[in-house]
Amino acid sequence: MKLTQGKKIYFSSDNHLGAPNLEESLVREKKFVSWLDTIKKDAEAIFLVGDIFDFWFEYNEVVPKGFTRTLGKLAEISDAGISIHYFAGNHDMWLVDYFQKELNLTVHNKPKIFTINDKKFFVGHGDGLGPGDKSFKIMKKIFKNPFFNWCFRCVHPDLGIKLGKYLSNKNRLKSSLENLKFNGNENEWLTKYCKEKLKNEHYDYFIFGHRHIPLEIKLSPNSTYINLGDWITHFSYAVFDGHQVLLDKD
């Protein structure tokens, strides 16, 4: 990918729209949509790096109710020719084809490598990477298993989506204290993951979400790990201007 003169790449994650309730979520959603409306003026591409929704599950003919402002704005931006990359997170991993068909988004179910203006990016939500957290990794395999997905689709959407929202909210509340605790540069598990990756291949930037903390950690003189923070308390994002990636806040 080569940036057009004056254009930028934007990265954002962890809105958890729908949580903790529709009223509070709507306030954040309007702020996010306003930000999207602002950046569309100079965006070459937008990377949404997971957990944009607190729960998202697609049935064959049904998707979760709500989020009209966000979906409409993404459709508008996509229709204007701006590419949008959507990465599945641990709260919105059950994507099928709705975003591709309705919004013309490019959906990624695992981390992906991009070369932009001769800079090499490793981009992903960040969940399940690095050492430890074996219980979550096992649980994620179960959640992604086609058989269990089929079983869930047999549940009526009115019940299934209500149950999914409840469990998702409960999981987020349980993990929120751990996610918001900074462990120090050397002890961050995603930092460890990045350093292991660098042993075999060079990356200029690692871009992750999931941790809900805006982080910029220098891994080497030529490699940096960026965590995008969230749109719950920080309203943070990253922008690549063709030369470097910078964290910013709305």
Protein backbone atom coordinates (compact mmCIF):
# COMPACT_ATOMS: atom_id res chain seq x y z
CA MET A 1 0.00 0.00 0.00
CA LYS A 2 1.33 3.42 -0.96
CA LEU A 3 -0.12 6.50 0.70
CA THR A 4 -1.39 9.26 -1.53
CA GLN A 5 0.21 12.63 -0.81
CA GLY A 6 -1.53 14.25 2.17
CA LYS A 7 -3.43 11.10 3.12
CA LYS A 8 -3.19 9.14 6.38
CA ILE A 9 -3.95 5.73 7.86
CA TYR A 10 -6.05 5.63 11.04
CA PHE A 11 -6.16 2.82 13.61
CA SER A 12 -8.81 2.43 16.31
CA SER A 13 -10.16 -0.33 18.56
CA ASP A 14 -12.18 -1.35 21.61
CA ASN A 15 -15.35 0.73 21.49
CA HIS A 16 -17.43 -2.07 23.05
CA LEU A 17 -20.58 -0.48 21.68
CA GLY A 18 -23.66 -1.71 23.50
CA ALA A 19 -21.96 -1.79 26.90
CA PRO A 20 -22.70 -1.26 29.70
CA ASN A 21 -26.14 -0.27 28.39
CA LEU A 22 -27.63 1.33 25.29
CA GLU A 23 -27.94 4.80 26.86
CA GLU A 24 -24.29 5.12 27.91
CA SER A 25 -23.10 3.39 24.75
CA LEU A 26 -24.99 5.87 22.59
CA VAL A 27 -23.00 8.80 24.02
CA ARG A 28 -19.73 7.10 23.09
CA GLU A 29 -21.09 6.00 19.72
CA LYS A 30 -21.96 9.58 18.75
CA LYS A 31 -18.45 10.68 19.70
CA PHE A 32 -16.93 7.89 17.61
CA VAL A 33 -19.12 8.68 14.60
CA SER A 34 -18.14 12.34 14.86
CA TRP A 35 -14.47 11.28 14.82
CA LEU A 36 -15.07 9.11 11.74
CA ASP A 37 -16.73 12.06 10.05
CA THR A 38 -13.66 14.19 10.78
CA ILE A 39 -10.98 11.75 9.61
CA LYS A 40 -12.73 10.80 6.35
CA LYS A 41 -11.37 14.05 4.90
CA ASP A 42 -7.78 12.77 4.77
CA ALA A 43 -8.07 9.01 5.40
CA GLU A 44 -6.54 6.67 2.86
CA ALA A 45 -7.65 3.71 4.95
CA ILE A 46 -9.13 2.99 8.38
CA PHE A 47 -8.19 -0.01 10.50
CA LEU A 48 -10.75 -1.04 13.14
CA VAL A 49 -8.74 -3.40 15.28
CA GLY A 50 -11.35 -5.42 17.16
CA ASP A 51 -14.09 -5.20 19.81
CA ILE A 52 -15.88 -2.34 18.12
CA PHE A 53 -19.01 -4.04 19.46
CA ASP A 54 -19.29 -5.56 22.93
CA PHE A 55 -21.10 -8.50 21.35
CA TRP A 56 -21.62 -9.34 17.69
CA PHE A 57 -22.99 -12.62 16.37
CA GLU A 58 -24.39 -13.15 12.90
CA TYR A 59 -27.22 -15.55 12.22
CA ASN A 60 -28.02 -16.42 8.61
CA GLU A 61 -30.73 -13.74 8.40
CA VAL A 62 -30.27 -11.76 11.64
CA VAL A 63 -27.63 -9.43 13.10
CA PRO A 64 -27.69 -7.60 16.46
CA LYS A 65 -30.09 -4.68 16.70
CA GLY A 66 -28.74 -1.14 17.00
CA PHE A 67 -25.50 0.70 16.10
CA THR A 68 -27.23 2.37 13.14
CA ARG A 69 -25.09 5.50 13.34
CA THR A 70 -21.83 3.56 13.27
CA LEU A 71 -22.85 1.16 10.52
CA GLY A 72 -24.28 3.98 8.42
CA LYS A 73 -21.13 6.09 8.76
CA LEU A 74 -18.89 3.13 7.86
CA ALA A 75 -21.04 2.48 4.78
CA GLU A 76 -20.78 6.15 3.79
CA ILE A 77 -16.99 6.15 4.18
CA SER A 78 -16.62 2.87 2.31
CA ASP A 79 -18.88 4.11 -0.50
CA ALA A 80 -16.61 7.15 -0.80
CA GLY A 81 -13.75 4.82 -1.77
CA ILE A 82 -11.90 4.74 1.57
CA SER A 83 -10.86 1.19 2.44
CA ILE A 84 -11.81 -0.07 5.88
CA HIS A 85 -10.14 -3.10 7.47
CA TYR A 86 -12.09 -4.74 10.29
CA PHE A 87 -10.28 -7.14 12.64
CA ALA A 88 -12.31 -9.57 14.72
CA GLY A 89 -11.71 -9.20 18.44
CA ASN A 90 -12.61 -11.49 21.31
CA HIS A 91 -16.05 -9.84 21.71
CA ASP A 92 -16.97 -9.63 18.02
CA MET A 93 -15.29 -12.75 16.64
CA TRP A 94 -18.48 -14.27 15.22
CA LEU A 95 -18.35 -12.49 11.88
CA VAL A 96 -19.67 -14.14 8.73
CA ASP A 97 -20.26 -11.89 5.72
CA TYR A 98 -22.54 -9.03 6.80
CA PHE A 99 -19.78 -6.40 6.96
CA GLN A 100 -18.37 -7.49 3.61
CA LYS A 101 -21.69 -7.53 1.76
CA GLU A 102 -23.45 -4.58 3.36
CA LEU A 103 -20.54 -2.25 4.10
CA ASN A 104 -17.83 -3.48 1.73
CA LEU A 105 -15.35 -3.83 4.60
CA THR A 106 -12.36 -6.16 4.47
CA VAL A 107 -12.63 -8.52 7.44
CA HIS A 108 -9.62 -10.21 9.07
CA ASN A 109 -10.06 -13.04 11.55
CA LYS A 110 -6.41 -13.14 12.57
CA PRO A 111 -3.42 -10.76 12.61
CA LYS A 112 -2.17 -9.61 9.23
CA ILE A 113 1.01 -8.07 7.84
CA PHE A 114 0.85 -4.88 5.78
CA THR A 115 3.56 -2.91 4.03
CA ILE A 116 2.65 0.77 3.85
CA ASN A 117 5.15 3.29 2.41
CA ASP A 118 7.96 0.79 2.93
CA LYS A 119 7.05 0.40 6.62
CA LYS A 120 6.12 -3.09 7.75
CA PHE A 121 3.08 -3.38 10.04
CA PHE A 122 1.88 -6.34 12.07
CA VAL A 123 -1.77 -5.64 12.94
CA GLY A 124 -4.20 -7.62 15.08
CA HIS A 125 -6.56 -7.32 18.02
CA GLY A 126 -4.01 -8.91 20.35
CA ASP A 127 -6.13 -11.44 22.23
CA GLY A 128 -4.62 -14.90 22.66
CA LEU A 129 -1.12 -13.81 21.62
CA GLY A 130 2.01 -14.16 23.69
CA PRO A 131 2.79 -16.40 26.68
CA GLY A 132 0.30 -17.59 29.30
CA ASP A 133 -3.49 -17.21 29.48
CA LYS A 134 -4.01 -20.84 28.47
CA SER A 135 -7.61 -20.92 29.73
CA PHE A 136 -8.60 -18.05 27.45
CA LYS A 137 -6.86 -19.64 24.47
CA ILE A 138 -8.77 -22.88 25.04
CA MET A 139 -12.04 -20.97 25.45
CA LYS A 140 -11.42 -19.04 22.22
CA LYS A 141 -10.98 -22.30 20.30
CA ILE A 142 -14.32 -23.47 21.67
CA PHE A 143 -16.03 -20.19 20.75
CA LYS A 144 -14.64 -20.38 17.21
CA ASN A 145 -15.50 -24.05 16.75
CA PRO A 146 -17.96 -24.47 13.83
CA PHE A 147 -20.01 -27.07 15.70
CA PHE A 148 -20.57 -24.87 18.75
CA ASN A 149 -21.34 -21.92 16.46
CA TRP A 150 -23.97 -24.07 14.72
CA CYS A 151 -25.46 -25.03 18.10
CA PHE A 152 -25.72 -21.38 19.10
CA ARG A 153 -27.44 -20.53 15.82
CA CYS A 154 -30.12 -23.07 16.67
CA VAL A 155 -31.10 -20.83 19.58
CA HIS A 156 -33.70 -18.19 18.69
CA PRO A 157 -31.96 -14.81 18.08
CA ASP A 158 -34.09 -13.05 20.74
CA LEU A 159 -32.68 -15.42 23.35
CA GLY A 160 -29.25 -16.00 21.81
CA ILE A 161 -28.31 -12.34 21.42
CA LYS A 162 -29.64 -11.51 24.90
CA LEU A 163 -27.57 -14.32 26.39
CA GLY A 164 -24.51 -13.33 24.36
CA LYS A 165 -24.73 -9.71 25.53
CA TYR A 166 -25.04 -10.81 29.15
CA LEU A 167 -22.05 -13.14 29.01
CA SER A 168 -19.97 -10.64 27.05
CA ASN A 169 -20.66 -7.87 29.55
CA LYS A 170 -19.88 -10.20 32.45
CA ASN A 171 -16.59 -11.23 30.83
CA ARG A 172 -15.60 -7.62 30.14
CA LEU A 173 -16.28 -6.56 33.72
CA LYS A 174 -14.28 -9.51 35.03
CA SER A 175 -11.25 -8.76 32.85
CA SER A 176 -11.40 -4.95 32.95
CA LEU A 177 -9.23 -4.53 36.03
CA GLU A 178 -6.55 -6.79 34.56
CA ASN A 179 -6.72 -5.10 31.16
CA LEU A 180 -6.25 -1.65 32.66
CA LYS A 181 -3.25 -2.64 34.75
CA PHE A 182 0.06 -1.71 33.14
CA ASN A 183 2.66 -4.36 33.90
CA GLY A 184 5.75 -2.42 32.81
CA ASN A 185 7.44 -2.52 29.42
CA GLU A 186 9.30 -5.75 30.04
CA ASN A 187 6.36 -7.60 31.60
CA GLU A 188 3.67 -6.76 29.08
CA TRP A 189 2.75 -10.06 27.42
CA LEU A 190 2.20 -8.41 24.04
CA THR A 191 5.65 -6.83 24.33
CA LYS A 192 7.07 -10.30 24.86
CA TYR A 193 5.15 -11.56 21.85
CA CYS A 194 6.50 -8.73 19.67
CA LYS A 195 10.08 -9.39 20.74
CA GLU A 196 9.72 -13.06 19.87
CA LYS A 197 8.41 -12.13 16.42
CA LEU A 198 11.33 -9.78 15.87
CA LYS A 199 13.79 -12.65 16.33
CA ASN A 200 12.67 -14.07 13.00
CA GLU A 201 11.48 -11.07 11.01
CA HIS A 202 11.63 -7.28 11.17
CA TYR A 203 8.50 -5.18 11.68
CA ASP A 204 8.51 -1.42 11.97
CA TYR A 205 5.25 -1.36 13.89
CA PHE A 206 3.10 -3.76 15.87
CA ILE A 207 -0.45 -2.39 16.21
CA PHE A 208 -2.75 -4.03 18.76
CA GLY A 209 -5.88 -3.30 20.78
CA HIS A 210 -7.39 -5.44 23.55
CA ARG A 211 -5.39 -3.95 26.45
CA HIS A 212 -7.50 -0.77 26.69
CA ILE A 213 -4.36 1.25 27.52
CA PRO A 214 -2.69 3.62 25.04
CA LEU A 215 0.91 2.36 24.87
CA GLU A 216 3.94 3.20 22.77
CA ILE A 217 6.79 0.84 23.60
CA LYS A 218 10.12 0.94 21.79
CA LEU A 219 11.19 -2.64 21.06
CA SER A 220 14.39 -1.70 19.22
CA PRO A 221 15.75 1.42 17.50
CA ASN A 222 13.61 0.58 14.45
CA SER A 223 10.59 -1.21 15.87
CA THR A 224 7.69 0.01 18.03
CA TYR A 225 4.70 -1.64 19.68
CA ILE A 226 1.58 0.56 19.73
CA ASN A 227 -1.50 -0.28 21.76
CA LEU A 228 -4.52 1.74 20.69
CA GLY A 229 -6.24 2.12 24.06
CA ASP A 230 -10.03 2.33 23.82
CA TRP A 231 -13.13 4.44 23.22
CA ILE A 232 -14.49 3.93 26.73
CA THR A 233 -12.18 6.03 28.90
CA HIS A 234 -9.30 7.16 26.64
CA PHE A 235 -10.93 7.84 23.24
CA SER A 236 -7.53 7.19 21.71
CA TYR A 237 -6.35 6.13 18.28
CA ALA A 238 -3.19 6.01 16.16
CA VAL A 239 -2.41 7.71 12.87
CA PHE A 240 0.27 6.97 10.28
CA ASP A 241 1.22 9.97 8.15
CA GLY A 242 3.48 8.05 5.80
CA HIS A 243 6.56 8.44 7.99
CA GLN A 244 5.66 7.54 11.56
CA VAL A 245 2.80 6.31 13.75
CA LEU A 246 1.60 8.61 16.52
CA LEU A 247 -0.96 8.05 19.28
CA ASP A 248 -3.63 10.70 19.65
CA LYS A 249 -6.93 11.32 21.46
CA ASP A 250 -10.24 12.71 20.31
